[in-house]
Structures are given as structure tokens and as C-alpha cells.
C-alpha atoms as a PDB file:
ATOM      1  CA  MET A   1      70.294 -21.137 -50.958  1.00  0.00           C
ATOM      2  CA  SER A   2      67.780 -19.053 -52.886  1.00  0.00           C
ATOM      3  CA  PRO A   3      68.324 -15.275 -53.231  1.00  0.00           C
ATOM      4  CA  LEU A   4      64.980 -14.632 -51.517  1.00  0.00           C
ATOM      5  CA  ARG A   5      65.962 -16.655 -48.471  1.00  0.00           C
ATOM      6  CA  SER A   6      69.397 -15.037 -48.327  1.00  0.00           C
ATOM      7  CA  SER A   7      67.862 -11.556 -48.510  1.00  0.00           C
ATOM      8  CA  PHE A   8      65.379 -12.377 -45.738  1.00  0.00           C
ATOM      9  CA  GLY A   9      68.135 -13.710 -43.491  1.00  0.00           C
ATOM     10  CA  SER A  10      70.233 -10.643 -44.146  1.00  0.00           C
ATOM     11  CA  ARG A  11      67.358  -8.341 -43.196  1.00  0.00           C
ATOM     12  CA  ILE A  12      66.718 -10.291 -40.006  1.00  0.00           C
ATOM     13  CA  GLY A  13      70.410 -10.144 -39.109  1.00  0.00           C
ATOM     14  CA  THR A  14      70.542  -6.396 -39.742  1.00  0.00           C
ATOM     15  CA  ALA A  15      67.422  -5.787 -37.668  1.00  0.00           C
ATOM     16  CA  PHE A  16      68.837  -7.883 -34.821  1.00  0.00           C
ATOM     17  CA  ARG A  17      72.146  -6.001 -34.843  1.00  0.00           C
ATOM     18  CA  ARG A  18      70.297  -2.682 -34.741  1.00  0.00           C
ATOM     19  CA  TRP A  19      68.160  -3.898 -31.847  1.00  0.00           C
ATOM     20  CA  VAL A  20      71.230  -5.043 -29.897  1.00  0.00           C
ATOM     21  CA  GLY A  21      72.939  -1.702 -30.544  1.00  0.00           C
ATOM     22  CA  ALA A  22      69.898   0.202 -29.336  1.00  0.00           C
ATOM     23  CA  ARG A  23      69.735  -1.927 -26.186  1.00  0.00           C
ATOM     24  CA  ARG A  24      73.381  -1.160 -25.452  1.00  0.00           C
ATOM     25  CA  LEU A  25      72.767   2.571 -25.810  1.00  0.00           C
ATOM     26  CA  ARG A  26      69.788   2.440 -23.448  1.00  0.00           C
ATOM     27  CA  ALA A  27      71.551   0.222 -20.908  1.00  0.00           C
ATOM     28  CA  HIS A  28      73.192   3.228 -19.253  1.00  0.00           C
ATOM     29  CA  ASP A  29      69.890   5.087 -18.911  1.00  0.00           C
ATOM     30  CA  ASP A  30      68.195   2.707 -16.469  1.00  0.00           C
ATOM     31  CA  GLY A  31      68.182   5.116 -13.508  1.00  0.00           C
ATOM     32  CA  MET A  32      66.507   7.905 -15.428  1.00  0.00           C
ATOM     33  CA  SER A  33      63.128   6.201 -15.525  1.00  0.00           C
ATOM     34  CA  THR A  34      62.914   6.245 -11.728  1.00  0.00           C
ATOM     35  CA  ALA A  35      63.680   9.964 -11.618  1.00  0.00           C
ATOM     36  CA  GLU A  36      61.136  10.626 -14.352  1.00  0.00           C
ATOM     37  CA  TYR A  37      58.462   8.716 -12.430  1.00  0.00           C
ATOM     38  CA  ALA A  38      59.296  10.709  -9.296  1.00  0.00           C
ATOM     39  CA  VAL A  39      58.969  14.032 -11.122  1.00  0.00           C
ATOM     40  CA  GLY A  40      55.686  12.888 -12.684  1.00  0.00           C
ATOM     41  CA  THR A  41      54.339  11.815  -9.306  1.00  0.00           C
ATOM     42  CA  ILE A  42      55.267  15.141  -7.706  1.00  0.00           C
ATOM     43  CA  ALA A  43      53.653  17.048 -10.581  1.00  0.00           C
ATOM     44  CA  ALA A  44      50.472  14.977 -10.262  1.00  0.00           C
ATOM     45  CA  ALA A  45      50.345  15.578  -6.500  1.00  0.00           C
ATOM     46  CA  ALA A  46      50.815  19.321  -7.013  1.00  0.00           C
ATOM     47  CA  LEU A  47      48.039  19.409  -9.611  1.00  0.00           C
ATOM     48  CA  ALA A  48      45.744  17.435  -7.303  1.00  0.00           C
ATOM     49  CA  THR A  49      46.431  19.893  -4.483  1.00  0.00           C
ATOM     50  CA  VAL A  50      45.639  22.900  -6.667  1.00  0.00           C
ATOM     51  CA  LEU A  51      42.496  21.221  -7.993  1.00  0.00           C
ATOM     52  CA  HIS A  52      41.379  20.393  -4.445  1.00  0.00           C
ATOM     53  CA  GLN A  53      41.875  24.002  -3.367  1.00  0.00           C
ATOM     54  CA  VAL A  54      39.871  25.298  -6.327  1.00  0.00           C
ATOM     55  CA  VAL A  55      37.007  22.834  -5.935  1.00  0.00           C
ATOM     56  CA  THR A  56      36.689  23.371  -2.188  1.00  0.00           C
ATOM     57  CA  SER A  57      36.715  27.172  -2.466  1.00  0.00           C
ATOM     58  CA  GLY A  58      33.420  28.855  -1.606  1.00  0.00           C
ATOM     59  CA  ALA A  59      32.335  30.000  -5.072  1.00  0.00           C
ATOM     60  CA  VAL A  60      33.134  26.755  -6.852  1.00  0.00           C
ATOM     61  CA  SER A  61      31.656  24.653  -4.070  1.00  0.00           C
ATOM     62  CA  ASP A  62      28.388  26.616  -4.199  1.00  0.00           C
ATOM     63  CA  ALA A  63      28.273  26.341  -7.994  1.00  0.00           C
ATOM     64  CA  LEU A  64      28.847  22.581  -7.894  1.00  0.00           C
ATOM     65  CA  GLN A  65      26.219  22.157  -5.199  1.00  0.00           C
ATOM     66  CA  GLY A  66      23.748  24.119  -7.339  1.00  0.00           C
ATOM     67  CA  VAL A  67      24.456  21.925 -10.354  1.00  0.00           C
ATOM     68  CA  VAL A  68      23.935  18.753  -8.323  1.00  0.00           C
ATOM     69  CA  GLU A  69      20.724  20.063  -6.752  1.00  0.00           C
ATOM     70  CA  ARG A  70      19.299  21.036 -10.140  1.00  0.00           C
ATOM     71  CA  ALA A  71      20.256  17.657 -11.566  1.00  0.00           C
ATOM     72  CA  LEU A  72      18.485  15.878  -8.726  1.00  0.00           C
ATOM     73  CA  GLY A  73      15.556  18.279  -8.808  1.00  0.00           C
ATOM     74  CA  THR A  74      15.867  19.263  -5.141  1.00  0.00           C
ATOM     75  CA  GLN A  75      15.957  22.932  -4.260  1.00  0.00           C
ATOM     76  CA  PRO A  76      16.547  23.773  -0.571  1.00  0.00           C
END
């Protein structure tokens, strides 16, 4: 076997062993992704609630309505 081919095979074998080792380390962390998604979803819902409160407040609502009316060229 040529030295080039032997070196390539050795690198592939090393990469595969590293990949298998990494998979074994992550195998015990499967449940964490669900908890992380739950925390992310709760954070997104909280942000949406705050944003909704801000946008529907009187001052912001009036400002947005003014912007839309000017953009459409209709003044009441």
C-alpha cells in the first residue's frame, strides 16, 4: 500500500473515532434540548407580550396611526 493511501486511511480512522467519541459524550444530553426549547419558547412569548403592550399603548398607537396615514396620504 502506498504511503499516501495509508496516511489518508489513518486520517479517516482518526476522524471517525473522534466523531464516535463526541457522539457518546452528547448521548447523555438528549433531554436538555427539550428544556432549552421550552425556555426559548417562554422567553419569546414574554417578549411578544411586552411588545404587544407597548404597541397597543395610547402614545405608540397614535404615532403608528399617524405614520400609516401620512404614508397613505389620508389625513382625518
